[in-house]
Amino acid sequence: MSTSAMDHNPVPTKVPSANIWTFWTKKLSRDNLMLLGILGVLSLFMLVFILMPLWAMLTKSVQNSSGEFVGLENFITYFSSPSLWYSLTNTLTVGFLVMVIVGVLAFGYAFALTRSCMPFKTLFQVLGMAPILAPSLLPAISLIFLFGNQGVLKDWLGGQSVYGLIGITMGLVFWTFPHALMILTTSLRTSDARLYEAARALKTSPLKTFFMVTLPAAKYGLISTLIVVFTLVVCDFGVPKVIGGSYNVLATDIFKQVVGQQNFAMGAVTSILLLLPALLAFAVDRWVQKKQKSLFDTRSVAYEPTPNKLRDNACLVYCIVICIAVLGVLGMAVYGSFVTFWPWNKALTLNNYNFSELSTYGWSPYFNSLTLAGWTALIGTVIIFIGAYCIEKGRAFAPLRQAMQMLSVVPMAVPGMVLGLGYIFYFNDANNPLNVMYGTMAFLVVNTVVHYYTVGHMTAVTSLKQIPAEIESTAASVKLPQYKLFFKVTLPVCLPAILDIATYLFINALTTTSAVVFLYSTNTIPASVSVLNMDDTGQTGAAAAMAVMIMISAATAKLVHVVLDKVLGKKTQAWRKR
C-alpha cells in the first residue's frame, strides 16, 4: 500500500489519558462544567448528611447492643411492650387533636385578615406570627406558670392537671398556630372576585357562598395546613418533655431510650416508628400538591372585601381574643423570668438572667446559639440557593437535576430527633473519616442546615420560577455565561427570597431543640438545650429567662430582616413597580 493511501486511512489511535480532561473541557461548556461540579458536590453533601445517617439508623435497629445482626427481634420486643401502644396512641391523639383545633383557629384568623375590612390588620398579622419567634419550650414553661399546681389560673381547668394531654395540647396549639396561619393566609389571599359577583347575582346567602366558593377554593391549602400541623406535633419533643408529665409520646420515648437508658437499638426502633407518620403525612401532602390547580389566571379579578359591619366587628373581636391568648402566654413567660422563686417569692429580680451564677455553662449556651444561627444562616443560604438555582435553571444534566430535586424534599419528612439520632450512629464511629466533626460547632451547623433544607429549597425554587424562561434563553443565545447572568439578574431579582431563607434558618437555628439535643458537647451546648436542662433541675425562672433571650434575639433578627428588605428592595425590586 502506498504512503499516500495510508495517509487517507489512518489507524485509529487511543486518546492519551493525559488528554481526556482537555477532550471533555472542549466537549462541555464552562457553564456545564460548573453545573456538573456543583451538582456533584451537592449530591455528595446529601448522600453523606441525609441518606447515610438514615441508613445507619435503620441498620442499628436490627442489631443488638454488641452490634450483631438480630433481624426483627428489637421490633418484636418493642411491639410486645404495652408502653409502645400507650405512647403511639398518645402521639396520634395529640396529633389529631391539635390538628383540628389549630386548623379551625388559624382558618378563622386568616379569614379575618384576608376577607374582612377590620382595622389594625398589620398589627394582628404581627401578633399572630409572634409564637414562631419562641422555642417550643417557652409556651410549656409559661403554661406551668399559668395552670400548674401553683399557677395563677389553675382553677380555670376545673381541677384537671395541666401536666399531660391538656398541657401538651395547649402548648402545641400555641406553637403550631403561626405555621398554619402562614399557609392559610396565602391560600385565602388570592381569590377570583367574579365567583363572588356570580354568587351575589344569584342571591346566594353569605353562609352558602362560604361553603360553595370560599371553602372549595381554599381546600388544598387547608389540607396542607392540617398535614403540616400534624407532622410538627408528632415530631415535637420540647413541649411533651417539659409539661407532659407521665403522658409519654414517641418523641419523649426516644429521648428516654437514648439518654436515660443508653439503649440505642430501641431508640432506633422508636425513631423508625416516629418516621412512619411523618412519611405518611409527607406523602399525602405531595399528593395534595399534585392535585392542586390554580384558580387564578390572567382573566381573573382579584377579590377585595367590601365593608360589612357585622362581619368586620366579629372578625375584630375574634382576632382580639386570639391575640390576648398569645400575649398572655408570652407575657407570662417574661413575667416568670423576673420572679425570684416561683411561687414562694414573687418579688421581681434580674437574678434569673445571671446565668453565670445559676449554671455551670453561664452565658456560653446563648452565644453558642447565636454562633450556630449565624453560620447556619450564612452557609445554609448559600448552599440552598445555589443548589436550587442549579436544579431549576441548569441547562444540562436533566436526569441528575430531577434526582436532586427529589432528594431535596427528603429532609422535610424526617423528624429532627430521628435525624439527630442518625447522626450519632453514622458519625460517632472511629472508622468514619468525618468522625472528627462530631461534637463541634460545624457538626451542629450541618445538622441544622439539613434539618431545615427543604423549606428553604422550596422558597428558592418558587422565587426562581418567577423569572421568565426567556431571560435564560436570551442569555444563552448571546453566549452570556450563566454565572454572569446569575450575579447580574438572578441574585437581585431573588433577593427578597434569599433574605427570607436566611431569616428562616437563623430563627429556627435559635429555637430548635429536637435536632441538636443528642449532638452537642460541653463546648457547643445551645441555648434551647440549656433551657431544657435548667427546667429539669427545677430552675424554672432561669429556664424562662433563657427562653426569653432566645425570643428577643429571634425578634431582633426578624426586625433586621424587615429593614434590610426595605432598604435593599428599593434598589433591586424597582422593576416590580409600573
Protein backbone atom coordinates (compact mmCIF):
# COMPACT_ATOMS: atom_id res chain seq x y z
CA MET A 1 0.00 0.00 0.00
CA SER A 2 1.36 3.43 -0.91
CA THR A 3 2.24 6.01 1.58
CA SER A 4 -0.47 8.30 0.29
CA ALA A 5 -3.10 5.57 0.75
CA MET A 6 -2.00 5.07 4.34
CA ASP A 7 -2.38 8.80 4.94
CA HIS A 8 -6.00 8.66 3.80
CA ASN A 9 -6.79 5.63 6.03
CA PRO A 10 -5.04 6.25 9.33
CA VAL A 11 -5.10 3.55 12.01
CA PRO A 12 -7.39 4.62 14.92
CA THR A 13 -5.37 5.62 17.93
CA LYS A 14 -6.40 5.73 21.58
CA VAL A 15 -6.73 9.17 23.15
CA PRO A 16 -3.95 9.52 25.73
CA SER A 17 -5.27 9.59 29.29
CA ALA A 18 -3.48 12.90 29.85
CA ASN A 19 -5.67 14.49 27.17
CA ILE A 20 -9.02 13.15 28.45
CA TRP A 21 -9.60 16.23 30.60
CA THR A 22 -8.76 18.51 27.63
CA PHE A 23 -11.16 16.49 25.46
CA TRP A 24 -14.07 16.86 27.88
CA THR A 25 -13.41 20.54 28.60
CA LYS A 26 -13.74 21.17 24.86
CA LYS A 27 -16.81 18.92 24.69
CA LEU A 28 -18.55 20.67 27.60
CA SER A 29 -19.01 24.38 28.00
CA ARG A 30 -17.65 26.21 31.02
CA ASP A 31 -21.20 26.65 32.35
CA ASN A 32 -21.95 22.93 32.11
CA LEU A 33 -18.68 22.06 33.81
CA MET A 34 -19.53 24.38 36.69
CA LEU A 35 -23.06 22.96 36.81
CA LEU A 36 -21.75 19.39 36.91
CA GLY A 37 -19.26 20.29 39.64
CA ILE A 38 -21.87 22.00 41.84
CA LEU A 39 -24.42 19.20 41.36
CA GLY A 40 -21.70 16.65 42.17
CA VAL A 41 -20.75 18.41 45.40
CA LEU A 42 -24.41 18.84 46.37
CA SER A 43 -25.12 15.16 45.64
CA LEU A 44 -22.20 14.15 47.87
CA PHE A 45 -23.43 16.51 50.60
CA MET A 46 -26.93 15.00 50.57
CA LEU A 47 -25.62 11.44 50.41
CA VAL A 48 -23.30 11.91 53.40
CA PHE A 49 -25.50 14.10 55.59
CA ILE A 50 -29.02 12.84 54.75
CA LEU A 51 -29.10 9.33 53.35
CA MET A 52 -26.18 7.74 55.18
CA PRO A 53 -27.36 8.76 58.71
CA LEU A 54 -30.81 7.36 57.94
CA TRP A 55 -29.25 4.13 56.68
CA ALA A 56 -27.10 3.92 59.82
CA MET A 57 -30.21 4.29 61.98
CA LEU A 58 -32.03 1.60 60.01
CA THR A 59 -29.02 -0.70 60.42
CA LYS A 60 -28.85 -0.03 64.17
CA SER A 61 -32.50 -1.01 64.58
CA VAL A 62 -31.73 -4.61 63.51
CA GLN A 63 -28.64 -5.00 65.70
CA ASN A 64 -28.20 -5.79 69.39
CA SER A 65 -26.08 -3.84 71.87
CA SER A 66 -22.98 -5.70 70.65
CA GLY A 67 -23.58 -4.72 67.02
CA GLU A 68 -24.68 -8.22 65.96
CA PHE A 69 -27.49 -8.66 63.44
CA VAL A 70 -30.70 -9.82 65.18
CA GLY A 71 -33.25 -9.20 62.45
CA LEU A 72 -36.65 -8.04 63.70
CA GLU A 73 -36.01 -9.10 67.29
CA ASN A 74 -35.87 -5.48 68.52
CA PHE A 75 -39.17 -4.68 66.80
CA ILE A 76 -40.84 -7.79 68.27
CA THR A 77 -39.61 -6.83 71.75
CA TYR A 78 -40.79 -3.27 71.33
CA PHE A 79 -44.22 -4.20 69.96
CA SER A 80 -44.76 -6.69 72.78
CA SER A 81 -44.44 -3.88 75.30
CA PRO A 82 -47.73 -2.25 76.43
CA SER A 83 -45.89 1.08 76.78
CA LEU A 84 -45.42 1.21 72.99
CA TRP A 85 -49.13 1.21 72.32
CA TYR A 86 -49.62 3.74 75.10
CA SER A 87 -47.05 6.12 73.56
CA LEU A 88 -48.24 5.51 70.00
CA THR A 89 -51.88 6.12 70.94
CA ASN A 90 -50.93 9.25 72.87
CA THR A 91 -48.89 10.57 69.93
CA LEU A 92 -51.73 10.10 67.44
CA THR A 93 -54.29 11.51 69.91
CA VAL A 94 -52.30 14.70 70.43
CA GLY A 95 -51.57 14.94 66.70
CA PHE A 96 -55.21 14.77 65.61
CA LEU A 97 -56.48 16.93 68.48
CA VAL A 98 -54.03 19.77 67.86
CA MET A 99 -54.51 19.45 64.09
CA VAL A 100 -58.27 20.03 64.37
CA ILE A 101 -58.03 22.87 66.92
CA VAL A 102 -55.28 24.76 65.08
CA GLY A 103 -56.99 24.19 61.72
CA VAL A 104 -60.18 25.86 62.96
CA LEU A 105 -58.49 28.69 64.89
CA ALA A 106 -55.97 29.57 62.17
CA PHE A 107 -58.57 29.42 59.39
CA GLY A 108 -60.78 31.90 61.23
CA TYR A 109 -57.82 34.20 61.89
CA ALA A 110 -56.61 34.02 58.27
CA PHE A 111 -60.16 34.66 57.06
CA ALA A 112 -60.34 37.78 59.23
CA LEU A 113 -57.03 39.06 57.83
CA THR A 114 -57.87 38.44 54.17
CA ARG A 115 -61.67 38.59 53.83
CA SER A 116 -62.71 41.43 56.13
CA CYS A 117 -62.23 45.18 56.38
CA MET A 118 -61.46 45.19 60.10
CA PRO A 119 -58.87 47.75 61.33
CA PHE A 120 -55.30 47.05 62.54
CA LYS A 121 -54.69 44.13 60.17
CA THR A 122 -50.92 44.63 60.15
CA LEU A 123 -50.78 44.57 63.95
CA PHE A 124 -52.86 41.39 64.09
CA GLN A 125 -50.66 39.81 61.42
CA VAL A 126 -47.54 40.50 63.52
CA LEU A 127 -49.11 39.26 66.76
CA GLY A 128 -50.45 36.13 65.07
CA MET A 129 -46.95 35.24 63.88
CA ALA A 130 -45.26 36.07 67.21
CA PRO A 131 -45.18 32.47 68.57
CA ILE A 132 -42.86 31.42 65.76
CA LEU A 133 -40.10 33.51 67.34
CA ALA A 134 -40.11 31.45 70.57
CA PRO A 135 -38.79 27.93 71.15
CA SER A 136 -41.48 25.32 71.81
CA LEU A 137 -40.18 25.11 75.40
CA LEU A 138 -41.35 28.67 76.14
CA PRO A 139 -45.13 28.06 75.95
CA ALA A 140 -44.71 24.89 78.03
CA ILE A 141 -42.92 26.85 80.79
CA SER A 142 -45.45 29.66 80.57
CA LEU A 143 -48.37 27.23 80.90
CA ILE A 144 -46.80 25.86 84.09
CA PHE A 145 -46.75 29.41 85.50
CA LEU A 146 -50.39 29.86 84.42
CA PHE A 147 -52.04 26.50 85.07
CA GLY A 148 -49.51 24.42 87.04
CA ASN A 149 -50.01 23.17 90.58
CA GLN A 150 -49.12 26.66 91.84
CA GLY A 151 -50.30 28.52 88.72
CA VAL A 152 -52.17 31.81 88.87
CA LEU A 153 -55.07 30.42 86.80
CA LYS A 154 -55.04 26.77 87.91
CA ASP A 155 -58.74 26.93 88.89
CA TRP A 156 -59.66 27.60 85.25
CA LEU A 157 -59.01 23.94 84.39
CA GLY A 158 -61.75 22.72 86.72
CA GLY A 159 -59.48 20.56 88.84
CA GLN A 160 -57.78 18.94 85.81
CA SER A 161 -53.97 18.77 85.76
CA VAL A 162 -52.08 20.69 83.10
CA TYR A 163 -49.33 18.06 83.21
CA GLY A 164 -50.43 15.71 80.47
CA LEU A 165 -52.73 15.79 77.46
CA ILE A 166 -54.23 19.19 78.31
CA GLY A 167 -50.88 20.95 78.72
CA ILE A 168 -49.28 19.30 75.68
CA THR A 169 -52.29 20.23 73.53
CA MET A 170 -52.34 23.85 74.71
CA GLY A 171 -48.57 24.26 74.23
CA LEU A 172 -48.55 22.75 70.75
CA VAL A 173 -51.62 24.73 69.66
CA PHE A 174 -49.74 27.90 70.58
CA TRP A 175 -46.52 26.80 68.87
CA THR A 176 -48.03 25.50 65.60
CA PHE A 177 -50.58 28.31 65.14
CA PRO A 178 -48.27 30.65 63.13
CA HIS A 179 -47.18 27.82 60.81
CA ALA A 180 -50.82 27.17 59.95
CA LEU A 181 -51.55 30.88 59.66
CA MET A 182 -48.82 31.39 57.05
CA ILE A 183 -50.21 28.71 54.74
CA LEU A 184 -53.87 29.65 55.15
CA THR A 185 -53.26 33.38 54.69
CA THR A 186 -51.53 32.65 51.39
CA SER A 187 -54.32 30.29 50.37
CA LEU A 188 -57.12 32.76 51.14
CA ARG A 189 -55.38 35.87 49.85
CA THR A 190 -55.79 35.07 46.15
CA SER A 191 -59.39 34.55 45.01
CA ASP A 192 -61.38 35.39 41.89
CA ALA A 193 -63.88 38.17 42.56
CA ARG A 194 -66.03 37.02 39.63
CA LEU A 195 -67.16 33.98 41.61
CA TYR A 196 -68.45 36.18 44.41
CA GLU A 197 -70.17 38.50 41.92
CA ALA A 198 -71.92 35.49 40.41
CA ALA A 199 -73.00 34.36 43.88
CA ARG A 200 -74.47 37.79 44.62
CA ALA A 201 -76.24 37.86 41.27
CA LEU A 202 -77.85 34.52 42.12
CA LYS A 203 -78.82 35.93 45.53
CA THR A 204 -76.82 33.26 47.35
CA SER A 205 -76.64 33.75 51.11
CA PRO A 206 -73.22 34.63 52.63
CA LEU A 207 -73.15 31.32 54.54
CA LYS A 208 -73.86 29.31 51.39
CA THR A 209 -71.28 31.36 49.46
CA PHE A 210 -68.71 30.49 52.09
CA PHE A 211 -69.30 26.75 51.70
CA MET A 212 -69.67 26.83 47.91
CA VAL A 213 -66.99 29.37 46.93
CA THR A 214 -64.57 30.25 49.74
CA LEU A 215 -64.02 26.82 51.27
CA PRO A 216 -63.57 24.86 47.99
CA ALA A 217 -61.04 27.44 46.74
CA ALA A 218 -59.01 27.06 49.95
CA LYS A 219 -59.46 23.31 50.48
CA TYR A 220 -55.98 22.29 49.29
CA GLY A 221 -54.33 24.95 51.43
CA LEU A 222 -56.40 23.77 54.38
CA ILE A 223 -55.42 20.12 53.81
CA SER A 224 -51.75 21.10 53.56
CA THR A 225 -52.12 23.07 56.79
CA LEU A 226 -53.59 20.13 58.67
CA ILE A 227 -50.79 17.84 57.43
CA VAL A 228 -48.05 20.31 58.38
CA VAL A 229 -49.53 20.80 61.86
CA PHE A 230 -49.89 17.03 62.40
CA THR A 231 -46.26 16.46 61.36
CA LEU A 232 -44.97 19.23 63.64
CA VAL A 233 -46.95 17.87 66.59
CA VAL A 234 -45.92 14.21 66.36
CA CYS A 235 -42.28 15.21 65.89
CA ASP A 236 -42.03 17.83 68.65
CA PHE A 237 -40.03 16.98 71.72
CA GLY A 238 -39.86 20.18 73.78
CA VAL A 239 -43.48 20.62 74.90
CA PRO A 240 -44.10 16.96 75.94
CA LYS A 241 -40.75 16.88 77.74
CA VAL A 242 -41.49 19.95 79.88
CA ILE A 243 -45.21 19.67 80.57
CA GLY A 244 -46.10 16.10 79.56
CA GLY A 245 -45.68 14.53 82.98
CA SER A 246 -46.36 10.78 82.70
CA TYR A 247 -48.14 11.22 79.36
CA ASN A 248 -45.50 9.60 77.13
CA VAL A 249 -45.26 10.16 73.39
CA LEU A 250 -42.88 8.67 70.82
CA ALA A 251 -40.57 11.71 70.81
CA THR A 252 -40.00 11.55 74.57
CA ASP A 253 -39.62 7.76 74.34
CA ILE A 254 -36.65 8.23 72.01
CA PHE A 255 -35.03 10.62 74.48
CA LYS A 256 -35.58 8.24 77.41
CA GLN A 257 -34.23 5.23 75.50
CA VAL A 258 -31.08 7.04 74.31
CA VAL A 259 -30.23 9.44 77.16
CA GLY A 260 -31.87 7.69 80.10
CA GLN A 261 -31.17 4.03 79.33
CA GLN A 262 -28.40 4.23 76.71
CA ASN A 263 -30.44 1.71 74.69
CA PHE A 264 -29.54 2.89 71.20
CA ALA A 265 -31.10 -0.06 69.38
CA MET A 266 -34.52 0.60 70.93
CA GLY A 267 -34.03 4.31 70.28
CA ALA A 268 -33.53 3.47 66.60
CA VAL A 269 -36.67 1.30 66.58
CA THR A 270 -38.72 4.13 68.13
CA SER A 271 -37.24 6.58 65.60
CA ILE A 272 -38.40 4.42 62.71
CA LEU A 273 -41.90 4.29 64.22
CA LEU A 274 -41.86 8.08 64.58
CA LEU A 275 -40.68 8.34 60.96
CA LEU A 276 -43.74 6.44 59.66
CA PRO A 277 -46.50 9.00 60.47
CA ALA A 278 -44.23 11.81 59.26
CA LEU A 279 -43.61 9.96 55.97
CA LEU A 280 -47.32 9.22 55.56
CA ALA A 281 -48.23 12.88 56.14
CA PHE A 282 -45.49 13.93 53.71
CA ALA A 283 -46.78 11.55 51.01
CA VAL A 284 -50.34 12.85 51.41
CA ASP A 285 -49.08 16.43 51.16
CA ARG A 286 -47.21 15.60 47.93
CA TRP A 287 -50.44 14.10 46.54
CA VAL A 288 -52.39 17.21 47.50
CA GLN A 289 -49.84 19.46 45.82
CA LYS A 290 -50.18 17.50 42.56
CA LYS A 291 -53.98 17.70 42.69
CA GLN A 292 -53.99 21.43 43.34
CA LYS A 293 -54.70 23.62 40.34
CA SER A 294 -54.50 27.37 40.05
CA LEU A 295 -57.91 29.04 40.30
CA PHE A 296 -56.47 32.43 39.42
CA ASP A 297 -55.43 33.26 35.83
CA THR A 298 -54.80 36.32 33.66
CA ARG A 299 -58.55 36.92 33.22
CA SER A 300 -59.31 36.71 36.93
CA VAL A 301 -60.13 39.73 39.06
CA ALA A 302 -58.51 39.93 42.48
CA TYR A 303 -61.06 39.78 45.29
CA GLU A 304 -61.25 42.85 47.52
CA PRO A 305 -63.51 42.59 50.58
CA THR A 306 -66.23 45.22 50.95
CA PRO A 307 -67.15 46.69 54.33
CA ASN A 308 -69.67 44.70 56.33
CA LYS A 309 -70.22 45.98 59.85
CA LEU A 310 -71.38 42.71 61.41
CA ARG A 311 -68.67 40.57 59.79
CA ASP A 312 -65.88 43.09 60.39
CA ASN A 313 -66.75 43.56 64.06
CA ALA A 314 -66.99 39.79 64.58
CA CYS A 315 -63.56 39.32 62.95
CA LEU A 316 -62.09 42.11 65.09
CA VAL A 317 -63.38 40.55 68.32
CA TYR A 318 -62.15 37.10 67.23
CA CYS A 319 -58.63 38.37 66.47
CA ILE A 320 -58.51 40.33 69.74
CA VAL A 321 -59.36 37.16 71.71
CA ILE A 322 -56.65 35.14 69.90
CA CYS A 323 -54.06 37.89 70.41
CA ILE A 324 -54.89 38.19 74.11
CA ALA A 325 -54.17 34.45 74.46
CA VAL A 326 -50.88 34.82 72.52
CA LEU A 327 -49.77 37.83 74.54
CA GLY A 328 -50.86 36.12 77.76
CA VAL A 329 -48.61 33.13 77.13
CA LEU A 330 -45.64 35.23 76.00
CA GLY A 331 -46.17 37.80 78.75
CA MET A 332 -46.38 35.15 81.47
CA ALA A 333 -43.06 33.68 80.35
CA VAL A 334 -41.46 37.12 80.52
CA TYR A 335 -43.01 37.79 83.94
CA GLY A 336 -41.90 34.40 85.24
CA SER A 337 -38.34 35.12 84.16
CA PHE A 338 -38.27 38.06 86.62
CA VAL A 339 -39.83 36.26 89.61
CA THR A 340 -37.31 35.45 92.35
CA PHE A 341 -38.58 31.94 93.18
CA TRP A 342 -41.94 30.79 91.83
CA PRO A 343 -44.38 30.57 93.59
CA TRP A 344 -42.98 31.24 97.07
CA ASN A 345 -41.22 34.55 96.44
CA LYS A 346 -42.77 36.61 93.65
CA ALA A 347 -40.55 39.64 94.15
CA LEU A 348 -39.19 40.83 90.81
CA THR A 349 -35.47 40.46 90.20
CA LEU A 350 -32.88 40.16 87.44
CA ASN A 351 -31.11 37.28 89.18
CA ASN A 352 -32.63 34.73 86.81
CA TYR A 353 -30.65 36.34 83.99
CA ASN A 354 -27.39 35.94 85.91
CA PHE A 355 -26.64 32.67 84.13
CA SER A 356 -23.01 32.64 85.23
CA GLU A 357 -24.23 32.07 88.82
CA LEU A 358 -27.07 29.69 88.00
CA SER A 359 -25.44 27.34 85.51
CA THR A 360 -22.01 25.81 85.02
CA TYR A 361 -22.23 26.89 81.37
CA GLY A 362 -23.04 30.55 82.18
CA TRP A 363 -23.84 32.65 79.12
CA SER A 364 -21.98 30.36 76.72
CA PRO A 365 -25.14 28.49 75.55
CA TYR A 366 -26.69 31.78 74.44
CA PHE A 367 -23.61 32.83 72.48
CA ASN A 368 -23.30 29.31 71.10
CA SER A 369 -26.83 29.64 69.75
CA LEU A 370 -26.03 32.99 68.13
CA THR A 371 -22.94 31.44 66.54
CA LEU A 372 -24.93 28.41 65.40
CA ALA A 373 -27.69 30.60 63.97
CA GLY A 374 -25.27 32.94 62.20
CA TRP A 375 -23.28 30.18 60.48
CA THR A 376 -26.45 28.23 59.66
CA ALA A 377 -27.99 31.29 58.00
CA LEU A 378 -24.83 32.14 56.05
CA ILE A 379 -23.72 28.68 54.92
CA GLY A 380 -27.23 27.29 54.59
CA THR A 381 -28.48 30.15 52.42
CA VAL A 382 -25.51 29.83 50.05
CA ILE A 383 -25.85 26.05 49.71
CA ILE A 384 -29.64 26.08 49.40
CA PHE A 385 -29.94 28.92 46.89
CA ILE A 386 -27.08 27.86 44.63
CA GLY A 387 -28.35 24.28 44.74
CA ALA A 388 -31.90 25.37 43.90
CA TYR A 389 -30.59 27.56 41.06
CA CYS A 390 -28.62 24.69 39.50
CA ILE A 391 -31.59 22.35 39.80
CA GLU A 392 -34.16 24.82 38.47
CA LYS A 393 -32.17 26.83 35.91
CA GLY A 394 -29.45 24.40 34.82
CA ARG A 395 -29.14 23.91 31.04
CA ALA A 396 -27.90 20.31 31.09
CA PHE A 397 -27.91 17.02 33.04
CA ALA A 398 -31.71 16.90 33.36
CA PRO A 399 -31.87 13.38 34.92
CA LEU A 400 -29.35 14.38 37.62
CA ARG A 401 -31.22 17.60 38.36
CA GLN A 402 -34.52 15.71 38.68
CA ALA A 403 -32.92 13.24 41.08
CA MET A 404 -31.53 16.13 43.12
CA GLN A 405 -34.96 17.76 43.23
CA MET A 406 -36.46 14.58 44.69
CA LEU A 407 -33.65 14.28 47.23
CA SER A 408 -34.08 17.92 48.29
CA VAL A 409 -37.53 17.27 49.77
CA VAL A 410 -36.45 14.26 51.87
CA PRO A 411 -35.42 16.28 54.99
CA MET A 412 -38.97 17.61 55.35
CA ALA A 413 -40.22 14.07 56.02
CA VAL A 414 -37.56 13.31 58.65
CA PRO A 415 -38.27 14.43 62.26
CA GLY A 416 -35.44 16.33 63.95
CA MET A 417 -34.89 13.71 66.66
CA VAL A 418 -34.68 10.95 64.04
CA LEU A 419 -32.11 12.92 62.06
CA GLY A 420 -30.09 13.67 65.20
CA LEU A 421 -30.06 10.03 66.24
CA GLY A 422 -28.98 9.02 62.75
CA TYR A 423 -26.07 11.44 63.03
CA ILE A 424 -24.96 9.73 66.25
CA PHE A 425 -24.98 6.28 64.66
CA TYR A 426 -23.18 7.36 61.49
CA PHE A 427 -20.64 9.96 62.61
CA ASN A 428 -19.83 8.71 66.11
CA ASP A 429 -17.77 5.90 64.61
CA ALA A 430 -13.97 5.74 64.77
CA ASN A 431 -13.92 4.20 61.27
CA ASN A 432 -15.72 7.17 59.76
CA PRO A 433 -13.20 9.79 58.50
CA LEU A 434 -15.76 12.50 59.32
CA ASN A 435 -15.74 11.47 62.99
CA VAL A 436 -13.50 14.49 63.70
CA MET A 437 -16.57 16.70 63.18
CA TYR A 438 -18.52 15.03 65.99
CA GLY A 439 -19.27 17.41 68.85
CA THR A 440 -18.04 20.52 67.01
CA MET A 441 -20.00 23.63 66.08
CA ALA A 442 -19.59 22.71 62.39
CA PHE A 443 -21.40 19.45 63.14
CA LEU A 444 -24.39 21.30 64.64
CA VAL A 445 -24.42 23.74 61.73
CA VAL A 446 -24.53 20.97 59.12
CA ASN A 447 -27.27 19.12 61.02
CA THR A 448 -29.39 22.27 61.32
CA VAL A 449 -28.95 23.19 57.64
CA VAL A 450 -30.03 19.68 56.61
CA HIS A 451 -32.97 19.68 59.04
CA TYR A 452 -34.45 22.86 57.53
CA TYR A 453 -33.16 22.39 53.98
CA THR A 454 -36.47 21.62 52.26
CA VAL A 455 -38.39 24.75 53.25
CA GLY A 456 -35.51 26.96 52.13
CA HIS A 457 -35.18 24.99 48.89
CA MET A 458 -38.90 25.31 48.11
CA THR A 459 -38.77 29.04 48.84
CA ALA A 460 -35.82 29.46 46.46
CA VAL A 461 -37.41 27.37 43.70
CA THR A 462 -40.67 29.32 43.97
CA SER A 463 -38.76 32.59 43.59
CA LEU A 464 -36.69 31.26 40.67
CA LYS A 465 -39.83 30.14 38.83
CA GLN A 466 -40.97 33.75 38.75
CA ILE A 467 -38.06 34.65 36.49
CA PRO A 468 -39.24 34.26 32.86
CA ALA A 469 -37.54 31.44 30.95
CA GLU A 470 -36.98 33.88 28.06
CA ILE A 471 -34.23 35.55 30.07
CA GLU A 472 -32.26 32.31 30.23
CA SER A 473 -32.88 31.64 26.54
CA THR A 474 -31.78 35.14 25.53
CA ALA A 475 -28.63 34.88 27.63
CA ALA A 476 -27.80 31.52 26.03
CA SER A 477 -28.38 32.87 22.52
CA VAL A 478 -25.94 35.76 23.03
CA LYS A 479 -23.50 33.36 24.71
CA LEU A 480 -23.61 35.19 28.04
CA PRO A 481 -22.01 32.91 30.69
CA GLN A 482 -24.61 31.65 33.11
CA TYR A 483 -22.58 32.68 36.15
CA LYS A 484 -22.69 36.30 34.93
CA LEU A 485 -26.46 36.05 34.45
CA PHE A 486 -26.68 34.65 37.98
CA PHE A 487 -24.92 37.65 39.54
CA LYS A 488 -26.42 40.35 37.30
CA VAL A 489 -30.05 39.21 37.14
CA THR A 490 -30.94 36.24 39.35
CA LEU A 491 -29.45 37.42 42.66
CA PRO A 492 -31.01 40.94 42.56
CA VAL A 493 -34.41 39.63 41.45
CA CYS A 494 -34.48 36.87 44.11
CA LEU A 495 -33.03 38.99 46.93
CA PRO A 496 -36.29 39.02 48.96
CA ALA A 497 -36.42 35.22 48.86
CA ILE A 498 -32.74 34.99 49.84
CA LEU A 499 -33.38 37.22 52.86
CA ASP A 500 -36.43 35.09 53.75
CA ILE A 501 -34.32 31.91 53.65
CA ALA A 502 -31.55 33.43 55.76
CA THR A 503 -34.01 34.70 58.38
CA TYR A 504 -35.88 31.39 58.44
CA LEU A 505 -32.66 29.47 59.03
CA PHE A 506 -31.41 31.93 61.66
CA ILE A 507 -34.62 31.86 63.73
CA ASN A 508 -35.06 28.10 63.55
CA ALA A 509 -31.41 27.51 64.48
CA LEU A 510 -32.04 29.62 67.59
CA THR A 511 -35.23 27.84 68.61
CA THR A 512 -34.61 24.21 67.60
CA THR A 513 -34.23 21.54 70.27
CA SER A 514 -35.07 18.16 68.78
CA ALA A 515 -32.41 18.14 66.04
CA VAL A 516 -29.46 19.03 68.30
CA VAL A 517 -30.45 17.53 71.66
CA PHE A 518 -28.25 14.46 71.02
CA LEU A 519 -25.35 16.18 69.24
CA TYR A 520 -23.99 18.97 71.43
CA SER A 521 -20.85 18.83 73.56
CA THR A 522 -19.94 20.81 76.67
CA ASN A 523 -18.38 23.46 74.42
CA THR A 524 -21.25 23.71 71.95
CA ILE A 525 -24.40 23.37 74.08
CA PRO A 526 -27.07 25.67 72.55
CA ALA A 527 -29.45 27.89 74.50
CA SER A 528 -32.55 25.79 73.68
CA VAL A 529 -30.95 22.70 75.26
CA SER A 530 -29.81 24.82 78.22
CA VAL A 531 -33.47 25.79 78.78
CA LEU A 532 -34.36 22.11 78.87
CA ASN A 533 -31.57 21.28 81.32
CA MET A 534 -32.38 24.16 83.67
CA ASP A 535 -36.05 23.22 83.71
CA ASP A 536 -35.09 19.62 84.55
CA THR A 537 -33.11 20.81 87.58
CA GLY A 538 -36.01 22.92 88.87
CA GLN A 539 -34.59 26.30 87.78
CA THR A 540 -37.82 27.29 86.04
CA GLY A 541 -37.18 31.04 86.33
CA ALA A 542 -33.73 30.76 84.77
CA ALA A 543 -35.14 28.49 82.03
CA ALA A 544 -37.80 31.10 81.27
CA ALA A 545 -35.12 33.82 81.20
CA MET A 546 -33.02 31.91 78.65
CA ALA A 547 -36.14 31.22 76.54
CA VAL A 548 -36.96 34.94 76.63
CA MET A 549 -33.41 35.76 75.47
CA ILE A 550 -33.92 33.39 72.52
CA MET A 551 -37.22 35.07 71.68
CA ILE A 552 -35.70 38.58 71.86
CA SER A 553 -32.84 37.52 69.58
CA ALA A 554 -35.25 35.97 67.06
CA ALA A 555 -37.43 39.11 67.11
CA THR A 556 -34.34 41.26 66.55
CA ALA A 557 -33.34 39.10 63.58
CA LYS A 558 -36.81 39.49 62.11
CA LEU A 559 -36.64 43.27 62.57
CA VAL A 560 -33.26 43.38 60.81
CA HIS A 561 -34.78 41.31 58.02
CA VAL A 562 -37.63 43.78 57.55
CA VAL A 563 -35.24 46.75 57.46
CA LEU A 564 -32.86 45.08 55.01
CA ASP A 565 -35.75 44.02 52.81
CA LYS A 566 -36.99 47.60 52.57
CA VAL A 567 -33.56 49.21 52.10
CA LEU A 568 -32.23 46.72 49.55
CA GLY A 569 -35.64 46.30 47.96
CA LYS A 570 -35.63 49.92 46.77
CA LYS A 571 -32.54 49.18 44.69
CA THR A 572 -33.27 45.67 43.48
CA GLN A 573 -37.08 45.49 43.25
CA ALA A 574 -37.89 48.76 41.48
CA TRP A 575 -38.76 46.73 38.35
CA ARG A 576 -41.86 45.40 40.12
CA LYS A 577 -43.43 48.88 40.14
CA ARG A 578 -45.09 50.10 36.97
